[in-house]
Each structure stands twice: as C-alpha cells, then as structure tokens.
C-alpha atoms as a PDB file:
ATOM      1  CA  MET A   1      65.534  95.156  95.546  1.00  0.00           C
ATOM      2  CA  SER A   2      65.643  96.823  92.151  1.00  0.00           C
ATOM      3  CA  ALA A   3      67.956  95.787  89.348  1.00  0.00           C
ATOM      4  CA  GLY A   4      70.049  98.913  89.806  1.00  0.00           C
ATOM      5  CA  ALA A   5      70.492  98.259  93.523  1.00  0.00           C
ATOM      6  CA  ARG A   6      71.475  94.630  92.885  1.00  0.00           C
ATOM      7  CA  ALA A   7      74.005  95.767  90.294  1.00  0.00           C
ATOM      8  CA  ALA A   8      75.466  98.267  92.736  1.00  0.00           C
ATOM      9  CA  VAL A   9      75.803  95.632  95.478  1.00  0.00           C
ATOM     10  CA  THR A  10      77.299  93.138  93.028  1.00  0.00           C
ATOM     11  CA  GLY A  11      79.799  95.706  91.796  1.00  0.00           C
ATOM     12  CA  LYS A  12      80.747  96.629  95.360  1.00  0.00           C
ATOM     13  CA  TYR A  13      81.486  93.056  96.383  1.00  0.00           C
ATOM     14  CA  ALA A  14      83.207  92.300  93.085  1.00  0.00           C
ATOM     15  CA  SER A  15      85.556  95.239  93.596  1.00  0.00           C
ATOM     16  CA  LEU A  16      86.289  94.073  97.165  1.00  0.00           C
ATOM     17  CA  VAL A  17      87.065  90.555  95.948  1.00  0.00           C
ATOM     18  CA  ALA A  18      89.309  91.889  93.178  1.00  0.00           C
ATOM     19  CA  ALA A  19      91.167  94.143  95.617  1.00  0.00           C
ATOM     20  CA  SER A  20      91.613  91.228  98.032  1.00  0.00           C
ATOM     21  CA  VAL A  21      93.019  89.016  95.290  1.00  0.00           C
ATOM     22  CA  VAL A  22      95.447  91.696  94.135  1.00  0.00           C
ATOM     23  CA  THR A  23      96.589  92.268  97.729  1.00  0.00           C
ATOM     24  CA  LEU A  24      96.840  88.652  98.877  1.00  0.00           C
ATOM     25  CA  LEU A  25      98.146  86.981  95.708  1.00  0.00           C
ATOM     26  CA  PRO A  26     101.761  88.249  96.068  1.00  0.00           C
ATOM     27  CA  LEU A  27     101.780  87.135  99.704  1.00  0.00           C
ATOM     28  CA  VAL A  28     100.526  83.679  98.744  1.00  0.00           C
ATOM     29  CA  VAL A  29     103.207  83.367  96.061  1.00  0.00           C
ATOM     30  CA  VAL A  30     105.941  84.384  98.528  1.00  0.00           C
ATOM     31  CA  PHE A  31     104.624  82.002 101.185  1.00  0.00           C
ATOM     32  CA  MET A  32     104.540  79.037  98.795  1.00  0.00           C
ATOM     33  CA  ALA A  33     107.965  79.845  97.340  1.00  0.00           C
ATOM     34  CA  ALA A  34     109.468  79.815 100.839  1.00  0.00           C
ATOM     35  CA  PHE A  35     108.825  76.047 101.097  1.00  0.00           C
ATOM     36  CA  LYS A  36     110.033  75.133  97.605  1.00  0.00           C
ATOM     37  CA  THR A  37     113.351  73.602  96.706  1.00  0.00           C
ATOM     38  CA  GLU A  38     115.709  75.325  94.270  1.00  0.00           C
ATOM     39  CA  ALA A  39     114.588  73.027  91.443  1.00  0.00           C
ATOM     40  CA  GLU A  40     110.900  73.673  92.157  1.00  0.00           C
ATOM     41  CA  SER A  41     111.508  77.408  92.249  1.00  0.00           C
ATOM     42  CA  GLN A  42     113.295  77.428  88.902  1.00  0.00           C
ATOM     43  CA  ASN A  43     111.138  74.948  86.992  1.00  0.00           C
ATOM     44  CA  GLY A  44     107.666  75.360  88.488  1.00  0.00           C
ATOM     45  CA  GLY A  45     105.215  78.208  88.118  1.00  0.00           C
ATOM     46  CA  PRO A  46     104.730  80.804  90.858  1.00  0.00           C
ATOM     47  CA  LEU A  47     101.253  79.512  91.701  1.00  0.00           C
ATOM     48  CA  LYS A  48     102.303  75.867  91.860  1.00  0.00           C
ATOM     49  CA  PRO A  49     102.344  74.716  95.499  1.00  0.00           C
ATOM     50  CA  PRO A  50     105.495  73.148  96.944  1.00  0.00           C
ATOM     51  CA  HIS A  51     105.890  69.378  97.131  1.00  0.00           C
ATOM     52  CA  ASP A  52     106.796  69.420 100.827  1.00  0.00           C
ATOM     53  CA  TRP A  53     105.065  71.968 103.086  1.00  0.00           C
ATOM     54  CA  PHE A  54     107.379  71.026 105.960  1.00  0.00           C
ATOM     55  CA  ASN A  55     110.575  71.938 104.147  1.00  0.00           C
ATOM     56  CA  LEU A  56     112.268  74.380 106.539  1.00  0.00           C
ATOM     57  CA  HIS A  57     115.689  74.296 104.849  1.00  0.00           C
ATOM     58  CA  ASN A  58     115.190  77.701 103.225  1.00  0.00           C
ATOM     59  CA  PHE A  59     114.264  79.289 106.550  1.00  0.00           C
ATOM     60  CA  GLN A  60     117.361  77.833 108.178  1.00  0.00           C
ATOM     61  CA  ILE A  61     119.656  79.216 105.466  1.00  0.00           C
ATOM     62  CA  ALA A  62     117.935  82.602 105.479  1.00  0.00           C
ATOM     63  CA  PHE A  63     118.217  82.877 109.262  1.00  0.00           C
ATOM     64  CA  THR A  64     121.832  81.730 109.579  1.00  0.00           C
ATOM     65  CA  GLN A  65     123.587  82.891 106.412  1.00  0.00           C
ATOM     66  CA  GLY A  66     121.492  86.050 106.244  1.00  0.00           C
ATOM     67  CA  HIS A  67     122.462  86.848 109.846  1.00  0.00           C
ATOM     68  CA  MET A  68     118.844  87.574 110.656  1.00  0.00           C
ATOM     69  CA  LEU A  69     119.364  87.596 114.418  1.00  0.00           C
ATOM     70  CA  ARG A  70     121.990  90.349 114.149  1.00  0.00           C
ATOM     71  CA  ALA A  71     119.801  92.175 111.648  1.00  0.00           C
ATOM     72  CA  PHE A  72     116.856  92.083 114.050  1.00  0.00           C
ATOM     73  CA  GLY A  73     119.106  93.507 116.773  1.00  0.00           C
ATOM     74  CA  ASN A  74     120.281  96.398 114.577  1.00  0.00           C
ATOM     75  CA  THR A  75     116.726  97.065 113.469  1.00  0.00           C
ATOM     76  CA  ALA A  76     115.464  97.114 117.054  1.00  0.00           C
ATOM     77  CA  PHE A  77     118.229  99.543 118.064  1.00  0.00           C
ATOM     78  CA  ILE A  78     117.341 101.919 115.232  1.00  0.00           C
ATOM     79  CA  LEU A  79     113.614 101.591 115.895  1.00  0.00           C
ATOM     80  CA  VAL A  80     113.853 102.456 119.590  1.00  0.00           C
ATOM     81  CA  PHE A  81     115.939 105.601 119.155  1.00  0.00           C
ATOM     82  CA  ALA A  82     114.358 106.819 115.910  1.00  0.00           C
ATOM     83  CA  VAL A  83     110.753 106.352 117.034  1.00  0.00           C
ATOM     84  CA  SER A  84     111.459 107.880 120.457  1.00  0.00           C
ATOM     85  CA  GLY A  85     113.114 110.881 118.823  1.00  0.00           C
ATOM     86  CA  THR A  86     110.248 111.260 116.377  1.00  0.00           C
ATOM     87  CA  VAL A  87     107.675 111.259 119.171  1.00  0.00           C
ATOM     88  CA  LEU A  88     109.629 113.784 121.237  1.00  0.00           C
ATOM     89  CA  ILE A  89     110.546 116.178 118.423  1.00  0.00           C
ATOM     90  CA  GLY A  90     107.224 115.850 116.606  1.00  0.00           C
ATOM     91  CA  SER A  91     105.109 116.481 119.704  1.00  0.00           C
ATOM     92  CA  MET A  92     107.302 119.388 120.807  1.00  0.00           C
ATOM     93  CA  THR A  93     107.060 120.953 117.355  1.00  0.00           C
ATOM     94  CA  ALA A  94     103.274 120.570 117.305  1.00  0.00           C
ATOM     95  CA  TYR A  95     103.098 122.047 120.823  1.00  0.00           C
ATOM     96  CA  ALA A  96     105.080 125.109 119.796  1.00  0.00           C
ATOM     97  CA  ILE A  97     103.087 125.672 116.603  1.00  0.00           C
ATOM     98  CA  ASP A  98      99.681 125.237 118.221  1.00  0.00           C
ATOM     99  CA  ARG A  99     100.215 126.977 121.554  1.00  0.00           C
ATOM    100  CA  TYR A 100     102.417 129.940 120.621  1.00  0.00           C
ATOM    101  CA  ARG A 101     101.751 132.806 118.237  1.00  0.00           C
ATOM    102  CA  PHE A 102     104.901 134.099 116.552  1.00  0.00           C
ATOM    103  CA  ARG A 103     105.530 136.186 113.468  1.00  0.00           C
ATOM    104  CA  LEU A 104     106.485 133.430 111.007  1.00  0.00           C
ATOM    105  CA  ARG A 105     104.053 130.808 112.290  1.00  0.00           C
ATOM    106  CA  ARG A 106     102.072 130.416 109.062  1.00  0.00           C
ATOM    107  CA  LEU A 107     105.256 130.399 107.020  1.00  0.00           C
ATOM    108  CA  THR A 108     106.666 127.650 109.234  1.00  0.00           C
ATOM    109  CA  ILE A 109     103.600 125.462 108.714  1.00  0.00           C
ATOM    110  CA  GLY A 110     103.777 126.117 104.982  1.00  0.00           C
ATOM    111  CA  LEU A 111     107.441 125.121 104.881  1.00  0.00           C
ATOM    112  CA  PHE A 112     106.619 121.866 106.655  1.00  0.00           C
ATOM    113  CA  LEU A 113     103.975 121.075 104.051  1.00  0.00           C
ATOM    114  CA  LEU A 114     106.323 122.092 101.227  1.00  0.00           C
ATOM    115  CA  ALA A 115     109.052 119.816 102.577  1.00  0.00           C
ATOM    116  CA  ALA A 116     106.614 116.899 102.472  1.00  0.00           C
ATOM    117  CA  LEU A 117     106.151 117.446  98.718  1.00  0.00           C
ATOM    118  CA  VAL A 118     109.867 117.415  97.857  1.00  0.00           C
ATOM    119  CA  PRO A 119     111.073 113.951  96.753  1.00  0.00           C
ATOM    120  CA  GLY A 120     113.757 112.725  99.105  1.00  0.00           C
ATOM    121  CA  VAL A 121     115.945 111.426  96.294  1.00  0.00           C
ATOM    122  CA  THR A 122     116.478 114.973  94.997  1.00  0.00           C
ATOM    123  CA  THR A 123     118.282 115.967  98.199  1.00  0.00           C
ATOM    124  CA  GLN A 124     120.321 112.808  98.739  1.00  0.00           C
ATOM    125  CA  VAL A 125     123.639 114.325  97.643  1.00  0.00           C
ATOM    126  CA  ALA A 126     123.399 117.154 100.168  1.00  0.00           C
ATOM    127  CA  THR A 127     122.028 114.799 102.832  1.00  0.00           C
ATOM    128  CA  PHE A 128     124.888 112.361 102.319  1.00  0.00           C
ATOM    129  CA  GLN A 129     127.450 115.146 102.651  1.00  0.00           C
ATOM    130  CA  ILE A 130     125.859 116.344 105.893  1.00  0.00           C
ATOM    131  CA  ILE A 131     125.786 112.853 107.382  1.00  0.00           C
ATOM    132  CA  ASN A 132     129.392 112.267 106.349  1.00  0.00           C
ATOM    133  CA  SER A 133     130.514 115.610 107.820  1.00  0.00           C
ATOM    134  CA  PHE A 134     128.978 114.640 111.160  1.00  0.00           C
ATOM    135  CA  GLY A 135     131.125 111.511 111.188  1.00  0.00           C
ATOM    136  CA  ILE A 136     128.193 109.128 111.586  1.00  0.00           C
ATOM    137  CA  PHE A 137     128.330 107.524 108.137  1.00  0.00           C
ATOM    138  CA  ASP A 138     128.425 103.717 108.319  1.00  0.00           C
ATOM    139  CA  THR A 139     127.032 103.774 111.847  1.00  0.00           C
ATOM    140  CA  ARG A 140     123.574 103.064 113.180  1.00  0.00           C
ATOM    141  CA  TRP A 141     123.221 106.736 114.108  1.00  0.00           C
ATOM    142  CA  ALA A 142     123.028 107.789 110.432  1.00  0.00           C
ATOM    143  CA  PRO A 143     119.556 106.306 109.756  1.00  0.00           C
ATOM    144  CA  ILE A 144     118.449 107.323 113.264  1.00  0.00           C
ATOM    145  CA  ALA A 145     119.263 110.965 112.486  1.00  0.00           C
ATOM    146  CA  LEU A 146     117.494 110.784 109.123  1.00  0.00           C
ATOM    147  CA  TYR A 147     114.374 109.039 110.432  1.00  0.00           C
ATOM    148  CA  THR A 148     114.100 111.401 113.386  1.00  0.00           C
ATOM    149  CA  GLY A 149     114.542 114.661 111.481  1.00  0.00           C
ATOM    150  CA  THR A 150     112.435 114.099 108.365  1.00  0.00           C
ATOM    151  CA  ASP A 151     108.929 113.183 109.465  1.00  0.00           C
ATOM    152  CA  ILE A 152     106.337 115.796 108.532  1.00  0.00           C
ATOM    153  CA  VAL A 153     103.452 113.319 108.816  1.00  0.00           C
ATOM    154  CA  SER A 154     104.075 112.755 112.526  1.00  0.00           C
ATOM    155  CA  ILE A 155     104.067 116.503 113.168  1.00  0.00           C
ATOM    156  CA  MET A 156     100.725 116.819 111.398  1.00  0.00           C
ATOM    157  CA  ILE A 157      99.243 113.939 113.423  1.00  0.00           C
ATOM    158  CA  PHE A 158     100.364 115.514 116.689  1.00  0.00           C
ATOM    159  CA  LEU A 159      99.123 118.904 115.548  1.00  0.00           C
ATOM    160  CA  GLN A 160      95.613 117.567 114.874  1.00  0.00           C
ATOM    161  CA  PHE A 161      95.426 116.035 118.344  1.00  0.00           C
ATOM    162  CA  MET A 162      96.974 119.091 119.979  1.00  0.00           C
ATOM    163  CA  ARG A 163      94.166 121.297 118.695  1.00  0.00           C
ATOM    164  CA  SER A 164      91.628 119.209 120.621  1.00  0.00           C
ATOM    165  CA  ILE A 165      93.295 119.871 123.995  1.00  0.00           C
ATOM    166  CA  PRO A 166      91.733 122.937 125.678  1.00  0.00           C
ATOM    167  CA  ILE A 167      94.082 125.870 126.195  1.00  0.00           C
ATOM    168  CA  SER A 168      92.461 126.360 129.601  1.00  0.00           C
ATOM    169  CA  LEU A 169      94.546 123.435 130.868  1.00  0.00           C
ATOM    170  CA  ASP A 170      97.719 125.308 129.946  1.00  0.00           C
ATOM    171  CA  GLU A 171      96.416 128.484 131.586  1.00  0.00           C
ATOM    172  CA  ALA A 172      95.483 126.669 134.795  1.00  0.00           C
ATOM    173  CA  ALA A 173      98.923 125.067 134.997  1.00  0.00           C
ATOM    174  CA  ARG A 174     100.577 128.422 134.285  1.00  0.00           C
ATOM    175  CA  ILE A 175      98.612 130.045 137.127  1.00  0.00           C
ATOM    176  CA  ASP A 176      99.958 127.348 139.439  1.00  0.00           C
ATOM    177  CA  GLY A 177     103.471 128.369 138.439  1.00  0.00           C
ATOM    178  CA  ALA A 178     104.259 125.671 135.890  1.00  0.00           C
ATOM    179  CA  SER A 179     106.833 126.496 133.227  1.00  0.00           C
ATOM    180  CA  PRO A 180     106.204 125.769 129.513  1.00  0.00           C
ATOM    181  CA  VAL A 181     108.460 122.703 129.714  1.00  0.00           C
ATOM    182  CA  ARG A 182     106.576 121.363 132.722  1.00  0.00           C
ATOM    183  CA  ILE A 183     103.231 122.036 131.030  1.00  0.00           C
ATOM    184  CA  TYR A 184     104.374 120.062 128.011  1.00  0.00           C
ATOM    185  CA  PHE A 185     105.618 117.027 129.951  1.00  0.00           C
ATOM    186  CA  GLN A 186     102.977 116.872 132.695  1.00  0.00           C
ATOM    187  CA  VAL A 187      99.863 118.198 130.963  1.00  0.00           C
ATOM    188  CA  ILE A 188     100.117 117.930 127.186  1.00  0.00           C
ATOM    189  CA  LEU A 189     102.183 114.783 126.642  1.00  0.00           C
ATOM    190  CA  PRO A 190      99.971 112.440 128.742  1.00  0.00           C
ATOM    191  CA  LEU A 191      96.936 113.570 126.739  1.00  0.00           C
ATOM    192  CA  LEU A 192      98.666 112.696 123.459  1.00  0.00           C
ATOM    193  CA  LYS A 193      98.722 108.936 124.090  1.00  0.00           C
ATOM    194  CA  PRO A 194      96.412 108.073 121.124  1.00  0.00           C
ATOM    195  CA  ALA A 195      98.547 110.201 118.798  1.00  0.00           C
ATOM    196  CA  ILE A 196     101.754 108.693 120.206  1.00  0.00           C
ATOM    197  CA  ALA A 197     100.411 105.170 119.602  1.00  0.00           C
ATOM    198  CA  THR A 198      99.511 106.061 116.022  1.00  0.00           C
ATOM    199  CA  VAL A 199     102.893 107.651 115.305  1.00  0.00           C
ATOM    200  CA  VAL A 200     104.803 104.767 116.895  1.00  0.00           C
ATOM    201  CA  ILE A 201     102.998 102.185 114.771  1.00  0.00           C
ATOM    202  CA  VAL A 202     103.096 104.097 111.482  1.00  0.00           C
ATOM    203  CA  LYS A 203     106.690 105.273 111.893  1.00  0.00           C
ATOM    204  CA  GLY A 204     107.827 101.873 113.111  1.00  0.00           C
ATOM    205  CA  VAL A 205     106.444 100.113 110.047  1.00  0.00           C
ATOM    206  CA  VAL A 206     108.128 102.649 107.738  1.00  0.00           C
ATOM    207  CA  ILE A 207     111.517 102.175 109.420  1.00  0.00           C
ATOM    208  CA  TYR A 208     111.099  98.401 109.573  1.00  0.00           C
ATOM    209  CA  ASN A 209     110.437  98.133 105.839  1.00  0.00           C
ATOM    210  CA  ASP A 210     112.893 100.759 104.589  1.00  0.00           C
ATOM    211  CA  PHE A 211     115.704  99.421 102.399  1.00  0.00           C
ATOM    212  CA  TYR A 212     117.198 102.474 100.755  1.00  0.00           C
ATOM    213  CA  THR A 213     118.433 104.381 103.814  1.00  0.00           C
ATOM    214  CA  PRO A 214     120.220 101.483 105.595  1.00  0.00           C
ATOM    215  CA  PHE A 215     121.652 100.229 102.299  1.00  0.00           C
ATOM    216  CA  LEU A 216     123.122 103.649 101.471  1.00  0.00           C
ATOM    217  CA  TYR A 217     124.272 104.841 104.886  1.00  0.00           C
ATOM    218  CA  MET A 218     125.287 101.523 106.502  1.00  0.00           C
ATOM    219  CA  PRO A 219     127.252  99.569 103.866  1.00  0.00           C
ATOM    220  CA  SER A 220     129.167  97.524 106.451  1.00  0.00           C
ATOM    221  CA  PRO A 221     127.951  93.884 106.599  1.00  0.00           C
ATOM    222  CA  ASP A 222     127.967  93.995 110.411  1.00  0.00           C
ATOM    223  CA  LEU A 223     125.370  96.795 110.345  1.00  0.00           C
ATOM    224  CA  GLY A 224     122.808  95.022 108.211  1.00  0.00           C
ATOM    225  CA  VAL A 225     119.126  95.331 109.090  1.00  0.00           C
ATOM    226  CA  ILE A 226     116.340  92.962 108.194  1.00  0.00           C
ATOM    227  CA  SER A 227     115.542  94.734 104.926  1.00  0.00           C
ATOM    228  CA  THR A 228     119.149  94.579 103.680  1.00  0.00           C
ATOM    229  CA  SER A 229     119.907  91.089 105.006  1.00  0.00           C
ATOM    230  CA  LEU A 230     117.803  89.573 102.222  1.00  0.00           C
ATOM    231  CA  TYR A 231     120.012  91.304  99.649  1.00  0.00           C
ATOM    232  CA  TYR A 232     122.760  88.863 100.646  1.00  0.00           C
ATOM    233  CA  PHE A 233     121.120  86.176  98.494  1.00  0.00           C
ATOM    234  CA  LYS A 234     120.970  88.355  95.364  1.00  0.00           C
ATOM    235  CA  GLY A 235     123.984  87.912  93.085  1.00  0.00           C
ATOM    236  CA  PRO A 236     125.030  89.527  89.789  1.00  0.00           C
ATOM    237  CA  TYR A 237     123.963  86.489  87.759  1.00  0.00           C
ATOM    238  CA  GLY A 238     120.884  85.331  89.608  1.00  0.00           C
ATOM    239  CA  ALA A 239     119.114  85.052  92.931  1.00  0.00           C
ATOM    240  CA  HIS A 240     118.019  82.342  95.329  1.00  0.00           C
ATOM    241  CA  TRP A 241     114.394  83.355  95.294  1.00  0.00           C
ATOM    242  CA  GLU A 242     113.234  80.482  97.476  1.00  0.00           C
ATOM    243  CA  ILE A 243     115.622  81.615 100.249  1.00  0.00           C
ATOM    244  CA  ILE A 244     114.719  85.278  99.744  1.00  0.00           C
ATOM    245  CA  CYS A 245     111.028  84.382 100.087  1.00  0.00           C
ATOM    246  CA  ALA A 246     111.750  82.418 103.255  1.00  0.00           C
ATOM    247  CA  GLY A 247     113.563  85.435 104.664  1.00  0.00           C
ATOM    248  CA  ALA A 248     110.683  87.656 103.604  1.00  0.00           C
ATOM    249  CA  VAL A 249     108.276  85.448 105.556  1.00  0.00           C
ATOM    250  CA  LEU A 250     110.503  85.758 108.634  1.00  0.00           C
ATOM    251  CA  VAL A 251     110.473  89.535 108.185  1.00  0.00           C
ATOM    252  CA  ILE A 252     106.711  89.716 107.664  1.00  0.00           C
ATOM    253  CA  ILE A 253     105.744  87.697 110.754  1.00  0.00           C
ATOM    254  CA  PRO A 254     106.734  90.313 113.395  1.00  0.00           C
ATOM    255  CA  THR A 255     104.950  93.153 111.601  1.00  0.00           C
ATOM    256  CA  LEU A 256     101.874  90.985 111.069  1.00  0.00           C
ATOM    257  CA  VAL A 257     101.716  90.070 114.759  1.00  0.00           C
ATOM    258  CA  VAL A 258     102.172  93.688 115.849  1.00  0.00           C
ATOM    259  CA  PHE A 259      99.529  94.896 113.413  1.00  0.00           C
ATOM    260  CA  LEU A 260      96.969  92.300 114.531  1.00  0.00           C
ATOM    261  CA  PHE A 261      97.401  93.286 118.184  1.00  0.00           C
ATOM    262  CA  LEU A 262      97.577  97.071 117.652  1.00  0.00           C
ATOM    263  CA  GLN A 263      95.395  97.676 114.604  1.00  0.00           C
ATOM    264  CA  ARG A 264      92.693  99.347 116.706  1.00  0.00           C
ATOM    265  CA  PHE A 265      95.187 102.054 117.694  1.00  0.00           C
ATOM    266  CA  ILE A 266      95.935 102.733 114.024  1.00  0.00           C
ATOM    267  CA  TYR A 267      92.297 103.062 113.000  1.00  0.00           C
ATOM    268  CA  ASN A 268      91.196 104.932 116.115  1.00  0.00           C
ATOM    269  CA  GLY A 269      94.179 107.270 115.944  1.00  0.00           C
ATOM    270  CA  PHE A 270      93.580 108.289 112.344  1.00  0.00           C
ATOM    271  CA  THR A 271      89.810 108.521 112.844  1.00  0.00           C
ATOM    272  CA  ARG A 272      90.070 110.707 115.928  1.00  0.00           C
ATOM    273  CA  GLY A 273      92.711 112.864 114.276  1.00  0.00           C
ATOM    274  CA  ALA A 274      90.503 113.395 111.242  1.00  0.00           C
ATOM    275  CA  MET A 275      87.439 114.227 113.382  1.00  0.00           C
ATOM    276  CA  LYS A 276      89.355 116.716 115.478  1.00  0.00           C
END
C-alpha cells in the first residue's frame, strides 16, 4: 500500500473516531450525571464518574415528581393519532399527485416544497390563532392537528414509493369495477408497507423528541409529555441537572430500544425510496 493510500485510510478512520466521540460524549456525560448526587453534580467535572453507580435516587425523583408515567401516556396518545393521521393523509396526497393529472399539479408540488423551506417559527402567530379559534388549545388535539397537517417529508417519501407501483394495477382494478377509494385501500396502501414503516419511525421520533409544540399548546401540567416533564426540574435560579439527566435517560431508553429493533426499516426505507 502506498503512502497516499495509507494516509487516506488513516484519515478515514480518524474522522470516524472523531465523529463517534463527538456523538457519544454528550450521552456518556448525561449517563454518568444521572447517577451522581447533587454535591457531585455541582462540585465535580462532567467527565468525572459517579461515586455510586447503583444510586437510583435521581431516577425515582424524576419518575415520580416529574410524573413520567402520565407523560408517557399523553405522549403515546399523541403519537398514535398523529402518526396514523400522517400516514393516511400523506399517502392519500401522494396517491392523488402521482395517479391523477390535473391543471395545477406542478404548482401543488412546488407549493409543498416551498412550504418545507418556510421556518415554522415565522408562522406561529397565525398558527396559534387558528388552533385557538378551533377551541383545541390546551388539549392533546392541538399538537395532533399540527403534527398531522405539517409533514411535507412524509408526502415526499410516499410519493417516491408510489412512483414504483405500476399503473397497470390501478387499471386492472378499475376494469373490475373498483372505485378510486377501493383501489387506494386494497391495492395501493398494502404495497406501501416499507414507506409506512419509514414514515412511522421517522415521524414518531420527531414527535417523541419535540418540546416546543407541547410546551406552547399544552401549558396545563396535567397534559405534560415526556419532553416537557423534564422542564419541571428547571427553576429560575438553577436546575437539578442530576435529576434532569436521570429523566433524560428514562426518555432515551424507549427510543433506543425501538431504533435497535427497527433500524433496518429506516435504512431500507430510505435506500429503496432513493433508488426508486
């Protein structure tokens, strides 16, 4: 192997190691801080390991005083309805755009792409007024409506998969007397399972980690989700970082487990969508 090739290989692995350190170091700091006492958290460095690795006091406080069980319930409720609505609306939209030719079709696709470029914070005043006028402010239906109606990425994923389904299947079903609705539910939707798995995972992680939307539209303490429950331990003059880190570990575990079991759907879904 030449000197240039060895340098290239060394640089490749060095960049991978550096990226791994940058990615894993914050997680290691959070994990160690979750087992520290308040004195260790305030006086010790972030990379100093805790004295007792079996100290579960922080997890107990985070789970009970942070009302994590109720937060998990609210999060699960929002996830089920928001993800289901995203799959239904996104796949229907992709079906209409790909299978039908109408006058403003290209303009519609362009508007979808344009909407993806507009920062959400610039439209929050108008969005808040709309949600409030519907009477769903400070309810779990507010974030469900927002998550369901503002997902351009899911539409694009479904659209890429939709283009790989032969139109001859639609024509054969139409000859047999199937209506467009029946074609969608009995022919198209079953063939979109890889895209549905990808959208469910990606959208679920986004909703699970979102803090801004639940914090703004569900200010009631009884409607807290897992992302806002940790805010309970942040005060105006300081924060209990050891308890916040323990709560963060409790929040990370479910997503980590789901990702480890379903990561092949994420990679395969994006790869197949890109190839098609």
